[in-house]
């Protein structure tokens, strides 16, 4: 059974930083591209960042490029999202998933972790 458990969200002021974690189980983590998505109130879920199975390549949405960094630890089955220079428009619930092409692999999502950027 696939499980994705996100953590690390919280309330932060504009310009601040947060580091999100996602611990995965129930599949061969080290062989999968992993990704972070976010969903803001009233908006569709969007892909934020993705990282190759070995961690050597990463891609980012234009809106977060240069501010967010995705990384992974295959020994811990965990993917991270370091978020710096946060903006109010980054406020959303953040989720992780494995990736298949341009789509999330798993239909089932974790509970997500709330990130709120506000002064």
N, C-alpha and C. Protein backbone atom coordinates (compact mmCIF):
# COMPACT_ATOMS: atom_id res chain seq x y z
N UNK A 1 0.85 -1.20 0.00
CA UNK A 1 0.00 0.00 0.00
C UNK A 1 0.88 1.24 0.00
N UNK A 2 0.64 2.10 -0.95
CA UNK A 2 1.43 3.33 -1.06
C UNK A 2 1.04 4.30 0.05
N UNK A 3 2.06 4.86 0.69
CA UNK A 3 1.83 5.91 1.68
C UNK A 3 2.78 7.07 1.40
N UNK A 4 2.24 8.26 1.45
CA UNK A 4 3.00 9.50 1.28
C UNK A 4 2.65 10.40 2.46
N UNK A 5 3.66 10.71 3.28
CA UNK A 5 3.41 11.48 4.50
C UNK A 5 4.24 12.76 4.45
N UNK A 6 3.54 13.87 4.25
CA UNK A 6 4.20 15.17 4.16
C UNK A 6 4.25 15.85 5.52
N UNK A 7 5.30 16.63 5.74
CA UNK A 7 5.45 17.37 6.99
C UNK A 7 6.34 18.59 6.77
N UNK A 8 6.36 19.47 7.76
CA UNK A 8 7.27 20.60 7.72
C UNK A 8 6.64 21.94 7.41
N UNK A 9 5.35 21.96 7.11
CA UNK A 9 4.69 23.22 6.81
C UNK A 9 4.51 24.08 8.05
N UNK A 10 3.98 25.27 7.83
CA UNK A 10 3.73 26.17 8.94
C UNK A 10 3.45 27.58 8.46
N UNK A 11 3.44 28.49 9.42
CA UNK A 11 3.21 29.90 9.15
C UNK A 11 4.57 30.61 9.12
N UNK A 12 4.84 31.35 8.07
CA UNK A 12 6.12 32.03 7.94
C UNK A 12 5.89 33.41 7.33
N UNK A 13 6.74 34.35 7.68
CA UNK A 13 6.63 35.69 7.12
C UNK A 13 7.20 35.73 5.70
N UNK A 14 6.73 36.68 4.90
CA UNK A 14 7.32 36.85 3.56
C UNK A 14 8.83 37.00 3.65
N UNK A 15 9.53 36.33 2.75
CA UNK A 15 10.98 36.33 2.77
C UNK A 15 11.58 35.22 3.60
N UNK A 16 10.76 34.51 4.33
CA UNK A 16 11.25 33.43 5.18
C UNK A 16 11.46 32.13 4.43
N UNK A 17 11.81 31.10 5.20
CA UNK A 17 12.13 29.78 4.63
C UNK A 17 11.42 28.67 5.38
N UNK A 18 11.18 27.60 4.67
CA UNK A 18 10.66 26.36 5.25
C UNK A 18 11.27 25.19 4.50
N UNK A 19 11.37 24.06 5.18
CA UNK A 19 11.82 22.82 4.53
C UNK A 19 10.76 21.76 4.73
N UNK A 20 10.19 21.31 3.63
CA UNK A 20 9.18 20.26 3.68
C UNK A 20 9.84 18.90 3.47
N UNK A 21 9.22 17.89 4.08
CA UNK A 21 9.67 16.50 3.92
C UNK A 21 8.50 15.64 3.51
N UNK A 22 8.78 14.61 2.76
CA UNK A 22 7.77 13.62 2.38
C UNK A 22 8.40 12.24 2.48
N UNK A 23 7.89 11.46 3.41
CA UNK A 23 8.37 10.09 3.58
C UNK A 23 7.43 9.15 2.83
N UNK A 24 8.01 8.33 1.96
CA UNK A 24 7.22 7.47 1.09
C UNK A 24 7.44 6.00 1.44
N UNK A 25 6.42 5.19 1.21
CA UNK A 25 6.53 3.75 1.40
C UNK A 25 5.54 3.04 0.50
N UNK A 26 5.77 1.73 0.32
CA UNK A 26 4.84 0.92 -0.47
C UNK A 26 5.18 0.80 -1.93
N UNK A 27 6.29 1.38 -2.34
CA UNK A 27 6.76 1.25 -3.72
C UNK A 27 8.28 1.43 -3.73
N UNK A 28 8.89 1.16 -4.87
CA UNK A 28 10.34 1.26 -4.97
C UNK A 28 10.72 2.72 -5.18
N UNK A 29 10.92 3.41 -4.08
CA UNK A 29 11.15 4.85 -4.09
C UNK A 29 12.33 5.22 -4.98
N UNK A 30 13.42 4.49 -4.86
CA UNK A 30 14.65 4.86 -5.53
C UNK A 30 14.58 4.77 -7.05
N UNK A 31 13.54 4.14 -7.57
CA UNK A 31 13.43 4.00 -9.02
C UNK A 31 12.46 5.00 -9.63
N UNK A 32 11.88 5.86 -8.81
CA UNK A 32 10.83 6.76 -9.27
C UNK A 32 11.26 8.21 -9.27
N UNK A 33 10.86 8.93 -10.33
CA UNK A 33 10.89 10.39 -10.27
C UNK A 33 9.90 10.81 -9.19
N UNK A 34 10.30 11.75 -8.35
CA UNK A 34 9.43 12.24 -7.29
C UNK A 34 9.15 13.72 -7.51
N UNK A 35 8.00 14.16 -7.01
CA UNK A 35 7.59 15.52 -7.28
C UNK A 35 6.86 16.13 -6.09
N UNK A 36 6.80 17.44 -6.09
CA UNK A 36 6.00 18.22 -5.16
C UNK A 36 4.95 18.98 -5.95
N UNK A 37 3.74 18.95 -5.42
CA UNK A 37 2.63 19.71 -5.96
C UNK A 37 2.13 20.65 -4.86
N UNK A 38 1.34 21.63 -5.26
CA UNK A 38 0.66 22.48 -4.29
C UNK A 38 -0.73 22.84 -4.80
N UNK A 39 -1.61 23.11 -3.84
CA UNK A 39 -2.96 23.52 -4.19
C UNK A 39 -3.37 24.67 -3.28
N UNK A 40 -3.58 25.80 -3.89
CA UNK A 40 -4.04 26.97 -3.17
C UNK A 40 -5.57 26.98 -3.15
N UNK A 41 -6.18 27.67 -2.19
CA UNK A 41 -7.65 27.72 -2.11
C UNK A 41 -8.26 28.20 -3.42
N UNK A 42 -9.23 27.43 -3.91
CA UNK A 42 -9.93 27.81 -5.12
C UNK A 42 -9.18 27.58 -6.41
N UNK A 43 -8.02 26.96 -6.32
CA UNK A 43 -7.21 26.72 -7.51
C UNK A 43 -6.94 25.23 -7.69
N UNK A 44 -6.55 24.88 -8.91
CA UNK A 44 -6.20 23.49 -9.18
C UNK A 44 -4.81 23.17 -8.63
N UNK A 45 -4.60 21.90 -8.37
CA UNK A 45 -3.29 21.45 -7.92
C UNK A 45 -2.28 21.65 -9.05
N UNK A 46 -1.10 22.15 -8.71
CA UNK A 46 -0.09 22.41 -9.73
C UNK A 46 1.24 21.77 -9.34
N UNK A 47 1.97 21.37 -10.36
CA UNK A 47 3.29 20.79 -10.16
C UNK A 47 4.29 21.90 -9.85
N UNK A 48 5.04 21.71 -8.78
CA UNK A 48 6.00 22.71 -8.34
C UNK A 48 7.42 22.33 -8.72
N UNK A 49 7.77 21.06 -8.46
CA UNK A 49 9.14 20.62 -8.72
C UNK A 49 9.17 19.11 -8.85
N UNK A 50 10.16 18.62 -9.60
CA UNK A 50 10.34 17.18 -9.76
C UNK A 50 11.83 16.87 -9.76
N UNK A 51 12.17 15.67 -9.30
CA UNK A 51 13.57 15.26 -9.22
C UNK A 51 13.71 13.85 -9.75
N UNK A 52 14.76 13.62 -10.48
CA UNK A 52 15.00 12.31 -11.07
C UNK A 52 15.26 11.27 -9.99
N UNK A 53 15.21 10.01 -10.37
CA UNK A 53 15.31 8.91 -9.41
C UNK A 53 16.63 8.94 -8.63
N UNK A 54 17.71 9.30 -9.30
CA UNK A 54 19.01 9.35 -8.63
C UNK A 54 19.29 10.70 -8.00
N UNK A 55 18.45 11.65 -8.26
CA UNK A 55 18.63 12.98 -7.69
C UNK A 55 19.54 13.89 -8.47
N UNK A 56 19.89 13.49 -9.67
CA UNK A 56 20.87 14.26 -10.44
C UNK A 56 20.24 15.37 -11.27
N UNK A 57 18.94 15.29 -11.50
CA UNK A 57 18.27 16.31 -12.31
C UNK A 57 17.00 16.76 -11.62
N UNK A 58 16.71 18.05 -11.73
CA UNK A 58 15.51 18.61 -11.14
C UNK A 58 14.91 19.64 -12.07
N UNK A 59 13.60 19.77 -12.00
CA UNK A 59 12.88 20.77 -12.78
C UNK A 59 11.92 21.51 -11.87
N UNK A 60 11.67 22.78 -12.21
CA UNK A 60 10.85 23.63 -11.36
C UNK A 60 9.85 24.42 -12.19
N UNK A 61 8.72 24.70 -11.56
CA UNK A 61 7.78 25.65 -12.15
C UNK A 61 8.45 27.03 -12.19
N UNK A 62 8.10 27.81 -13.20
CA UNK A 62 8.71 29.14 -13.33
C UNK A 62 8.48 30.00 -12.09
N UNK A 63 7.36 29.80 -11.45
CA UNK A 63 6.98 30.63 -10.30
C UNK A 63 7.88 30.40 -9.08
N UNK A 64 8.59 29.28 -9.04
CA UNK A 64 9.43 28.98 -7.86
C UNK A 64 10.90 28.84 -8.22
N UNK A 65 11.23 28.90 -9.49
CA UNK A 65 12.61 28.72 -9.93
C UNK A 65 13.52 29.74 -9.26
N UNK A 66 14.64 29.27 -8.73
CA UNK A 66 15.58 30.14 -8.05
C UNK A 66 15.29 30.35 -6.57
N UNK A 67 14.10 29.92 -6.12
CA UNK A 67 13.73 30.07 -4.70
C UNK A 67 13.56 28.73 -4.01
N UNK A 68 13.09 27.71 -4.74
CA UNK A 68 12.85 26.39 -4.16
C UNK A 68 13.90 25.41 -4.66
N UNK A 69 14.24 24.44 -3.81
CA UNK A 69 15.17 23.38 -4.18
C UNK A 69 14.62 22.04 -3.74
N UNK A 70 14.48 21.13 -4.69
CA UNK A 70 14.01 19.79 -4.38
C UNK A 70 15.24 18.88 -4.25
N UNK A 71 15.17 17.95 -3.29
CA UNK A 71 16.25 16.98 -3.10
C UNK A 71 15.64 15.69 -2.57
N UNK A 72 16.45 14.65 -2.50
CA UNK A 72 15.94 13.37 -2.02
C UNK A 72 17.05 12.60 -1.34
N UNK A 73 16.62 11.69 -0.46
CA UNK A 73 17.51 10.75 0.20
C UNK A 73 16.92 9.37 -0.01
N UNK A 74 17.47 8.63 -0.95
CA UNK A 74 16.91 7.32 -1.29
C UNK A 74 17.10 6.30 -0.17
N UNK A 75 18.07 6.51 0.68
CA UNK A 75 18.26 5.61 1.82
C UNK A 75 17.14 5.78 2.86
N UNK A 76 16.52 6.96 2.85
CA UNK A 76 15.44 7.24 3.81
C UNK A 76 14.07 7.29 3.15
N UNK A 77 14.02 7.00 1.85
CA UNK A 77 12.74 7.07 1.11
C UNK A 77 12.05 8.42 1.34
N UNK A 78 12.81 9.47 1.28
CA UNK A 78 12.29 10.79 1.61
C UNK A 78 12.70 11.80 0.53
N UNK A 79 11.75 12.64 0.18
CA UNK A 79 11.99 13.75 -0.73
C UNK A 79 11.74 15.05 0.03
N UNK A 80 12.55 16.06 -0.26
CA UNK A 80 12.49 17.33 0.46
C UNK A 80 12.20 18.47 -0.50
N UNK A 81 11.67 19.55 0.07
CA UNK A 81 11.51 20.79 -0.68
C UNK A 81 11.97 21.94 0.21
N UNK A 82 13.11 22.51 -0.12
CA UNK A 82 13.60 23.68 0.58
C UNK A 82 13.02 24.91 -0.10
N UNK A 83 12.30 25.70 0.67
CA UNK A 83 11.62 26.87 0.13
C UNK A 83 12.20 28.13 0.77
N UNK A 84 12.80 28.97 -0.02
CA UNK A 84 13.39 30.21 0.45
C UNK A 84 12.69 31.40 -0.21
N UNK A 85 12.91 32.58 0.36
CA UNK A 85 12.32 33.81 -0.19
C UNK A 85 10.83 33.63 -0.44
N UNK A 86 10.15 33.10 0.54
CA UNK A 86 8.73 32.78 0.37
C UNK A 86 7.89 34.04 0.18
N UNK A 87 6.85 33.88 -0.64
CA UNK A 87 5.93 34.96 -0.97
C UNK A 87 4.52 34.57 -0.55
N UNK A 88 3.65 35.54 -0.34
CA UNK A 88 2.26 35.20 0.02
C UNK A 88 1.60 34.28 -1.01
N UNK A 89 1.95 34.41 -2.26
CA UNK A 89 1.36 33.55 -3.29
C UNK A 89 1.85 32.11 -3.24
N UNK A 90 2.81 31.82 -2.37
CA UNK A 90 3.23 30.43 -2.15
C UNK A 90 2.32 29.72 -1.16
N UNK A 91 1.40 30.45 -0.55
CA UNK A 91 0.47 29.85 0.40
C UNK A 91 -0.37 28.78 -0.28
N UNK A 92 -0.33 27.57 0.27
CA UNK A 92 -1.02 26.43 -0.33
C UNK A 92 -0.81 25.21 0.55
N UNK A 93 -1.54 24.16 0.23
CA UNK A 93 -1.24 22.85 0.79
C UNK A 93 -0.29 22.15 -0.18
N UNK A 94 0.81 21.63 0.36
CA UNK A 94 1.83 21.01 -0.46
C UNK A 94 1.77 19.49 -0.32
N UNK A 95 1.87 18.82 -1.46
CA UNK A 95 1.79 17.36 -1.52
C UNK A 95 2.97 16.81 -2.31
N UNK A 96 3.32 15.57 -2.01
CA UNK A 96 4.31 14.89 -2.85
C UNK A 96 3.64 13.72 -3.57
N UNK A 97 4.28 13.27 -4.62
CA UNK A 97 3.80 12.12 -5.36
C UNK A 97 4.97 11.60 -6.18
N UNK A 98 4.85 10.42 -6.68
CA UNK A 98 5.78 9.95 -7.70
C UNK A 98 5.26 10.50 -9.04
N UNK A 99 6.10 10.50 -10.01
CA UNK A 99 5.75 11.12 -11.28
C UNK A 99 5.84 10.09 -12.40
N UNK A 100 4.88 10.16 -13.32
CA UNK A 100 4.94 9.37 -14.54
C UNK A 100 4.72 10.32 -15.71
N UNK A 101 5.79 10.65 -16.37
CA UNK A 101 5.69 11.66 -17.41
C UNK A 101 5.33 13.00 -16.79
N UNK A 102 4.27 13.62 -17.30
CA UNK A 102 3.85 14.92 -16.79
C UNK A 102 2.72 14.81 -15.77
N UNK A 103 2.40 13.60 -15.34
CA UNK A 103 1.27 13.39 -14.45
C UNK A 103 1.71 12.69 -13.17
N UNK A 104 0.98 12.89 -12.09
CA UNK A 104 1.27 12.14 -10.87
C UNK A 104 1.00 10.66 -11.09
N UNK A 105 1.83 9.83 -10.46
CA UNK A 105 1.70 8.39 -10.65
C UNK A 105 0.53 7.82 -9.86
N UNK A 106 0.39 8.27 -8.61
CA UNK A 106 -0.59 7.67 -7.72
C UNK A 106 -1.86 8.52 -7.65
N UNK A 107 -3.01 7.84 -7.72
CA UNK A 107 -4.28 8.54 -7.59
C UNK A 107 -4.53 8.98 -6.16
N UNK A 108 -3.97 8.22 -5.23
CA UNK A 108 -4.17 8.52 -3.82
C UNK A 108 -3.09 9.48 -3.34
N UNK A 109 -3.49 10.54 -2.65
CA UNK A 109 -2.58 11.56 -2.14
C UNK A 109 -2.48 11.47 -0.62
N UNK A 110 -1.39 11.99 -0.09
CA UNK A 110 -1.26 12.11 1.35
C UNK A 110 -2.12 13.24 1.87
N UNK A 111 -1.96 13.54 3.14
CA UNK A 111 -2.77 14.60 3.76
C UNK A 111 -2.25 15.99 3.41
N UNK A 112 -1.03 16.05 2.90
CA UNK A 112 -0.44 17.34 2.57
C UNK A 112 0.04 18.07 3.80
N UNK A 113 0.75 19.17 3.58
CA UNK A 113 1.21 20.01 4.67
C UNK A 113 0.94 21.47 4.29
N UNK A 114 0.32 22.19 5.21
CA UNK A 114 -0.11 23.56 4.93
C UNK A 114 1.07 24.52 5.07
N UNK A 115 1.26 25.35 4.08
CA UNK A 115 2.23 26.44 4.12
C UNK A 115 1.47 27.75 3.99
N UNK A 116 1.65 28.61 4.97
CA UNK A 116 1.00 29.92 4.96
C UNK A 116 2.07 30.99 5.06
N UNK A 117 2.11 31.87 4.08
CA UNK A 117 3.08 32.96 4.07
C UNK A 117 2.32 34.26 4.28
N UNK A 118 2.53 34.86 5.44
CA UNK A 118 1.77 36.05 5.81
C UNK A 118 2.51 36.82 6.87
N UNK A 119 2.35 38.14 6.82
CA UNK A 119 2.94 38.98 7.86
C UNK A 119 1.93 39.24 8.97
